[in-house]
Amino acid sequence: MNEIIPYKEPRALAGFTTKLPALFLPDEKTAERFFGFFTANIRNVHTRRAYYKAACRFAEWCEGRGLLGLAGVKPHHVAAYIEELQRELSKPSVKQHLAALRMLFDWLVVGQVVEANPAHAVRGPRYSQKKGKTPVLDREEARALIESIDVSTLTGLRDRALIGVMIYTFARIGAVLQLDVRDYYSQGRRGWLRFHEKGGKELEAPCHHKLESYMDEYIAAAGIADEKDGALFRTTGRATGTPRRMVQKDAYKVIERRARQAGIKTKIGNHSLRATGITDYLKSEGSSLTKAREMANHSDTRTTQLYDRRADVASVGEYERVGI
């Protein structure tokens, strides 16, 4: 295993460790530039974590083959590494690892740490996805999921509101959990939600009338209307003794538990509810892919199309034509 050498100055940043792989720590300049790639250059915590793991894995691979310095890393080394990854990981994962190395070495080139990017000319596996793999619920299942929740408790009101936000607004789970109480507000006699999306973007969305009632009932029962800077969705505090902002793992457990209680056999997660909302919207008369893209805050309609599962229903119908 590659020796992990602690950087001499203590650093604290969500999703990133201060320990640097030896390959990227021959001197102070290289270490500082490597660290800067993940702090100054990558703001998304999930991307930062994934790219850091990719860099560490490549560093371990290099040391295992006697490559102890960045100057010795050549394109054929990166190509051999990517070739090996394809035997262990899925194509999207391999492409992500290659993207991480390309971006990292570009950053090092600009910082004059290395002369050329050894990953620049390396080609990754071909992969084209035209249909999403995220499981979705049909309208009846989604309605059963919501209606099965016992809303006589605060936890039930919270879970219904949380699930409702994901279904009715198409929002990413990360943005949903970052909502503060002040991000739910009234405008034009309708409740609105202000999401803080990737890249510092803000997206404001009006609430479906059902979602508005879910939100109002939850906030009133929780007594948090005046805590404008507080987290909108919080844990109950049963495990820690103190309520805190929910994280994605908490939301996943909520969805898993509620789906089980509703008798839904499809294994769904946080992303499933976003896909469910988009698919149901596209089934409605007068809907459009362009509007769905805007509502989901996608940069390209091709991304939105991955969430469009209307063809699944048609496929089932065709297979049912078998009369045996």
Protein backbone atom coordinates (compact mmCIF):
# COMPACT_ATOMS: atom_id res chain seq x y z
CA MET A 1 0.00 0.00 0.00
CA ASN A 2 1.12 3.53 -0.74
CA GLU A 3 2.50 5.32 2.30
CA ILE A 4 0.23 8.17 3.36
CA ILE A 5 2.20 11.15 4.64
CA PRO A 6 0.34 13.79 6.66
CA TYR A 7 0.61 17.29 5.36
CA LYS A 8 2.46 19.41 7.91
CA GLU A 9 -0.31 22.00 8.32
CA PRO A 10 -3.69 20.91 9.75
CA ARG A 11 -6.46 21.31 7.21
CA ALA A 12 -10.21 20.89 7.60
CA LEU A 13 -12.56 20.62 4.65
CA ALA A 14 -15.69 18.50 4.31
CA GLY A 15 -15.11 15.33 2.32
CA PHE A 16 -11.34 15.73 2.16
CA THR A 17 -8.55 14.32 4.29
CA THR A 18 -5.29 16.11 5.00
CA LYS A 19 -3.26 12.98 4.24
CA LEU A 20 -1.54 13.05 0.87
CA PRO A 21 -0.24 10.10 -1.20
CA ALA A 22 3.57 9.99 -1.37
CA LEU A 23 3.48 10.28 -5.20
CA PHE A 24 2.17 13.81 -4.84
CA LEU A 25 4.43 14.81 -1.96
CA PRO A 26 8.02 15.07 -3.21
CA ASP A 27 8.23 18.69 -2.11
CA GLU A 28 6.26 21.56 -0.61
CA LYS A 29 5.25 23.03 -3.97
CA THR A 30 3.77 19.79 -5.28
CA ALA A 31 1.94 19.09 -2.03
CA GLU A 32 0.46 22.57 -1.95
CA ARG A 33 -0.63 22.34 -5.59
CA PHE A 34 -2.16 18.88 -5.04
CA PHE A 35 -4.09 20.09 -2.02
CA GLY A 36 -5.19 23.21 -3.90
CA PHE A 37 -6.75 21.09 -6.63
CA PHE A 38 -9.30 19.68 -4.19
CA THR A 39 -9.87 22.83 -2.16
CA ALA A 40 -9.68 25.81 -4.50
CA ASN A 41 -10.64 24.04 -7.71
CA ILE A 42 -13.43 21.60 -6.70
CA ARG A 43 -16.28 22.96 -4.64
CA ASN A 44 -18.70 20.02 -4.74
CA VAL A 45 -18.00 17.77 -1.77
CA HIS A 46 -19.03 14.57 -3.57
CA THR A 47 -16.85 15.29 -6.60
CA ARG A 48 -13.97 16.19 -4.30
CA ARG A 49 -14.26 12.91 -2.42
CA ALA A 50 -14.54 10.81 -5.59
CA TYR A 51 -11.61 12.52 -7.32
CA TYR A 52 -9.43 12.28 -4.23
CA LYS A 53 -10.05 8.53 -4.01
CA ALA A 54 -9.22 8.21 -7.71
CA ALA A 55 -5.93 10.07 -7.23
CA CYS A 56 -5.00 7.92 -4.22
CA ARG A 57 -5.79 4.72 -6.09
CA PHE A 58 -3.63 5.77 -9.02
CA ALA A 59 -0.79 6.70 -6.63
CA GLU A 60 -0.94 3.24 -5.05
CA TRP A 61 -0.87 1.63 -8.50
CA CYS A 62 2.18 3.68 -9.48
CA GLU A 63 4.12 2.79 -6.34
CA GLY A 64 3.36 -0.87 -6.88
CA ARG A 65 5.17 -0.60 -10.21
CA GLY A 66 8.13 1.36 -8.99
CA LEU A 67 6.93 4.77 -10.18
CA LEU A 68 7.90 6.94 -7.24
CA GLY A 69 7.89 10.36 -8.87
CA LEU A 70 5.49 12.34 -11.05
CA ALA A 71 8.19 12.91 -13.67
CA GLY A 72 8.27 9.19 -14.38
CA VAL A 73 4.54 8.89 -15.08
CA LYS A 74 4.00 8.62 -18.84
CA PRO A 75 0.89 8.20 -21.04
CA HIS A 76 1.47 4.46 -21.41
CA HIS A 77 1.39 4.11 -17.62
CA VAL A 78 -1.96 5.86 -17.40
CA ALA A 79 -3.26 3.77 -20.32
CA ALA A 80 -2.20 0.54 -18.59
CA TYR A 81 -3.86 1.69 -15.36
CA ILE A 82 -7.14 2.48 -17.13
CA GLU A 83 -6.97 -0.90 -18.88
CA GLU A 84 -6.72 -2.64 -15.52
CA LEU A 85 -9.56 -0.60 -14.05
CA GLN A 86 -11.87 -1.79 -16.82
CA ARG A 87 -11.55 -5.32 -15.49
CA GLU A 88 -12.70 -4.23 -12.04
CA LEU A 89 -15.05 -1.26 -12.40
CA SER A 90 -18.02 -0.27 -14.53
CA LYS A 91 -17.42 1.91 -17.59
CA PRO A 92 -18.90 5.05 -15.98
CA SER A 93 -16.62 4.56 -12.97
CA VAL A 94 -13.56 4.13 -15.19
CA LYS A 95 -14.45 7.28 -17.10
CA GLN A 96 -14.75 9.15 -13.81
CA HIS A 97 -11.31 7.96 -12.70
CA LEU A 98 -9.78 9.06 -15.99
CA ALA A 99 -11.52 12.44 -15.79
CA ALA A 100 -10.11 12.91 -12.30
CA LEU A 101 -6.55 12.20 -13.48
CA ARG A 102 -6.89 14.46 -16.50
CA MET A 103 -8.12 17.37 -14.41
CA LEU A 104 -5.56 16.81 -11.68
CA PHE A 105 -2.60 16.67 -14.07
CA ASP A 106 -3.90 19.70 -15.97
CA TRP A 107 -3.90 21.53 -12.65
CA LEU A 108 -0.34 20.39 -11.96
CA VAL A 109 0.79 21.47 -15.44
CA VAL A 110 -0.65 24.96 -14.94
CA GLY A 111 1.12 25.09 -11.58
CA GLN A 112 4.39 24.11 -13.29
CA VAL A 113 4.72 20.97 -11.20
CA VAL A 114 4.88 18.68 -14.26
CA GLU A 115 5.68 19.54 -17.88
CA ALA A 116 2.91 17.60 -19.60
CA ASN A 117 -0.35 15.83 -18.77
CA PRO A 118 0.23 12.06 -19.15
CA ALA A 119 -3.52 11.39 -19.05
CA HIS A 120 -4.42 13.83 -21.83
CA ALA A 121 -4.10 11.44 -24.79
CA VAL A 122 -5.46 8.35 -23.00
CA ARG A 123 -8.86 7.24 -24.21
CA GLY A 124 -11.38 5.79 -21.85
CA PRO A 125 -14.03 3.14 -22.58
CA ARG A 126 -16.91 4.04 -24.84
CA TYR A 127 -20.12 4.43 -22.95
CA SER A 128 -23.43 5.94 -23.98
CA GLN A 129 -26.50 5.86 -21.78
CA LYS A 130 -29.87 6.61 -23.34
CA LYS A 131 -32.06 5.32 -20.55
CA GLY A 132 -31.71 5.84 -16.81
CA LYS A 133 -31.32 2.88 -14.48
CA THR A 134 -32.83 4.54 -11.41
CA PRO A 135 -35.94 2.61 -10.27
CA VAL A 136 -39.11 4.73 -10.40
CA LEU A 137 -42.62 4.39 -9.01
CA ASP A 138 -45.77 4.69 -11.03
CA ARG A 139 -48.45 7.17 -9.98
CA GLU A 140 -50.40 4.68 -7.87
CA GLU A 141 -47.29 3.50 -6.02
CA ALA A 142 -46.15 7.06 -5.33
CA ARG A 143 -49.58 7.98 -4.03
CA ALA A 144 -49.64 4.85 -1.84
CA LEU A 145 -46.21 5.72 -0.48
CA ILE A 146 -47.35 9.15 0.66
CA GLU A 147 -50.77 8.09 1.93
CA SER A 148 -49.36 5.21 3.99
CA ILE A 149 -47.37 7.56 6.23
CA ASP A 150 -48.82 8.01 9.72
CA VAL A 151 -49.01 11.79 10.07
CA SER A 152 -50.21 11.76 13.66
CA THR A 153 -46.56 12.16 14.67
CA LEU A 154 -43.99 14.86 13.91
CA THR A 155 -41.74 12.27 12.29
CA GLY A 156 -44.53 11.26 9.94
CA LEU A 157 -45.24 14.88 8.99
CA ARG A 158 -41.53 15.44 8.34
CA ASP A 159 -41.18 12.31 6.21
CA ARG A 160 -44.25 13.16 4.14
CA ALA A 161 -42.95 16.68 3.52
CA LEU A 162 -39.48 15.40 2.63
CA ILE A 163 -40.78 12.82 0.17
CA GLY A 164 -43.23 15.35 -1.24
CA VAL A 165 -40.47 17.86 -1.96
CA MET A 166 -38.48 15.30 -3.92
CA ILE A 167 -41.46 14.12 -5.95
CA TYR A 168 -43.16 17.45 -6.66
CA THR A 169 -40.12 19.66 -7.30
CA PHE A 170 -37.69 17.21 -9.00
CA ALA A 171 -34.97 18.58 -6.71
CA ARG A 172 -31.70 16.79 -6.02
CA ILE A 173 -31.55 15.25 -2.57
CA GLY A 174 -28.44 17.28 -1.75
CA ALA A 175 -30.31 20.52 -2.44
CA VAL A 176 -33.37 19.35 -0.51
CA LEU A 177 -31.36 18.60 2.62
CA GLN A 178 -29.57 21.97 2.41
CA LEU A 179 -32.88 23.82 2.71
CA ASP A 180 -33.17 26.16 5.67
CA VAL A 181 -36.49 27.23 7.14
CA ARG A 182 -36.18 30.60 5.37
CA ASP A 183 -36.02 28.79 2.02
CA TYR A 184 -39.73 28.01 2.30
CA TYR A 185 -41.62 31.26 1.81
CA SER A 186 -44.89 32.69 0.48
CA GLN A 187 -45.20 34.56 -2.77
CA GLY A 188 -48.39 35.26 -4.70
CA ARG A 189 -50.48 33.31 -2.18
CA ARG A 190 -48.44 30.19 -2.86
CA GLY A 191 -45.63 28.50 -0.98
CA TRP A 192 -42.25 28.49 -2.74
CA LEU A 193 -38.96 26.69 -2.14
CA ARG A 194 -35.53 28.15 -2.85
CA PHE A 195 -32.95 25.47 -3.64
CA HIS A 196 -29.21 26.01 -3.55
CA GLU A 197 -27.98 23.88 -6.43
CA LYS A 198 -24.61 22.86 -7.83
CA GLY A 199 -22.24 25.59 -8.91
CA GLY A 200 -23.74 28.16 -6.57
CA LYS A 201 -26.99 28.33 -8.56
CA GLU A 202 -30.29 29.12 -6.91
CA LEU A 203 -33.54 27.62 -8.16
CA GLU A 204 -36.93 28.85 -6.96
CA ALA A 205 -39.90 26.55 -7.41
CA PRO A 206 -43.58 27.00 -6.53
CA CYS A 207 -45.03 24.21 -4.43
CA HIS A 208 -47.72 21.88 -5.73
CA HIS A 209 -50.86 22.51 -3.68
CA LYS A 210 -50.46 19.15 -1.93
CA LEU A 211 -46.83 19.83 -1.13
CA GLU A 212 -47.75 23.24 0.26
CA SER A 213 -50.12 21.65 2.75
CA TYR A 214 -47.49 19.03 3.68
CA MET A 215 -44.95 21.78 4.34
CA ASP A 216 -47.31 23.99 6.35
CA GLU A 217 -48.45 21.14 8.57
CA TYR A 218 -44.90 19.92 9.21
CA ILE A 219 -43.47 23.36 10.03
CA ALA A 220 -46.39 24.19 12.32
CA ALA A 221 -46.08 20.91 14.22
CA ALA A 222 -42.29 21.24 14.48
CA GLY A 223 -42.58 24.81 15.77
CA ILE A 224 -39.66 25.97 13.65
CA ALA A 225 -41.30 28.78 11.66
CA ASP A 226 -39.23 31.44 13.44
CA GLU A 227 -35.92 29.56 13.16
CA LYS A 228 -35.13 31.05 9.77
CA ASP A 229 -31.47 30.00 9.75
CA GLY A 230 -32.18 26.51 11.02
CA ALA A 231 -32.31 23.34 8.96
CA LEU A 232 -35.72 22.62 7.45
CA PHE A 233 -35.38 18.84 7.64
CA ARG A 234 -33.89 17.58 10.91
CA THR A 235 -33.37 14.30 12.66
CA THR A 236 -35.45 13.52 15.72
CA GLY A 237 -32.42 13.45 17.99
CA ARG A 238 -33.23 10.01 19.34
CA ALA A 239 -29.77 8.65 18.49
CA THR A 240 -27.65 11.69 19.31
CA GLY A 241 -29.81 13.44 21.87
CA THR A 242 -29.79 16.59 19.76
CA PRO A 243 -31.62 17.12 16.44
CA ARG A 244 -29.34 17.95 13.51
CA ARG A 245 -29.66 18.56 9.78
CA MET A 246 -30.49 15.37 7.93
CA VAL A 247 -27.90 13.94 5.55
CA GLN A 248 -28.41 11.71 2.53
CA LYS A 249 -28.05 8.53 4.58
CA ASP A 250 -30.87 9.68 6.85
CA ALA A 251 -33.12 10.42 3.88
CA TYR A 252 -32.37 7.04 2.34
CA LYS A 253 -33.38 5.28 5.55
CA VAL A 254 -36.63 7.27 5.63
CA ILE A 255 -37.51 6.30 2.07
CA GLU A 256 -36.52 2.68 2.57
CA ARG A 257 -38.65 2.41 5.72
CA ARG A 258 -41.66 4.18 4.27
CA ALA A 259 -41.56 2.13 1.06
CA ARG A 260 -41.47 -1.08 3.09
CA GLN A 261 -44.41 0.05 5.20
CA ALA A 262 -46.36 0.88 2.04
CA GLY A 263 -45.73 -2.61 0.65
CA ILE A 264 -43.66 -1.33 -2.27
CA LYS A 265 -41.32 -4.07 -3.49
CA THR A 266 -39.32 -1.89 -5.88
CA LYS A 267 -35.99 -1.00 -4.24
CA ILE A 268 -35.98 2.77 -4.35
CA GLY A 269 -33.70 5.47 -2.98
CA ASN A 270 -33.37 9.24 -2.86
CA HIS A 271 -32.90 9.59 -6.61
CA SER A 272 -35.92 7.43 -7.38
CA LEU A 273 -38.35 10.07 -6.14
CA ARG A 274 -36.80 12.72 -8.39
CA ALA A 275 -37.08 10.35 -11.35
CA THR A 276 -40.64 9.44 -10.34
CA GLY A 277 -41.72 13.09 -10.35
CA ILE A 278 -40.13 13.81 -13.73
CA THR A 279 -41.61 10.70 -15.34
CA ASP A 280 -45.10 11.41 -14.00
CA TYR A 281 -44.91 15.02 -15.17
CA LEU A 282 -43.94 13.92 -18.70
CA LYS A 283 -46.95 11.59 -18.80
CA SER A 284 -49.30 14.52 -18.22
CA GLU A 285 -51.01 16.29 -21.10
CA GLY A 286 -49.32 19.56 -22.04
CA SER A 287 -45.97 18.67 -20.47
CA SER A 288 -42.72 19.19 -22.37
CA LEU A 289 -39.19 17.88 -22.11
CA THR A 290 -37.86 21.43 -22.24
CA LYS A 291 -39.93 22.51 -19.25
CA ALA A 292 -38.96 19.35 -17.37
CA ARG A 293 -35.30 20.21 -17.99
CA GLU A 294 -35.81 23.68 -16.53
CA MET A 295 -37.72 22.39 -13.52
CA ALA A 296 -35.08 19.74 -12.80
CA ASN A 297 -32.28 22.29 -13.34
CA HIS A 298 -30.54 20.11 -15.91
CA SER A 299 -28.08 21.76 -18.29
CA ASP A 300 -29.11 19.52 -21.20
CA THR A 301 -32.36 17.80 -22.18
CA ARG A 302 -30.36 14.62 -22.80
CA THR A 303 -29.88 14.38 -19.05
CA THR A 304 -33.61 14.85 -18.47
CA GLN A 305 -34.37 12.10 -20.98
CA LEU A 306 -32.56 9.63 -18.74
CA TYR A 307 -35.36 10.19 -16.22
CA ASP A 308 -38.12 9.71 -18.76
CA ARG A 309 -39.42 6.18 -18.21
CA ARG A 310 -42.67 6.39 -20.16
CA ALA A 311 -41.39 3.79 -22.59
CA ASP A 312 -41.31 1.22 -19.78
CA VAL A 313 -45.11 1.13 -19.70
CA ALA A 314 -45.27 0.62 -23.46
CA SER A 315 -42.76 -2.21 -23.23
CA VAL A 316 -44.79 -4.02 -20.58
CA GLY A 317 -47.87 -3.68 -22.76
CA GLU A 318 -46.11 -5.18 -25.76
CA TYR A 319 -44.81 -8.18 -23.82
CA GLU A 320 -48.29 -8.77 -22.45
CA ARG A 321 -49.46 -9.38 -26.02
CA VAL A 322 -47.97 -12.87 -25.79
CA GLY A 323 -51.12 -15.00 -25.58
CA ILE A 324 -49.75 -18.25 -24.22
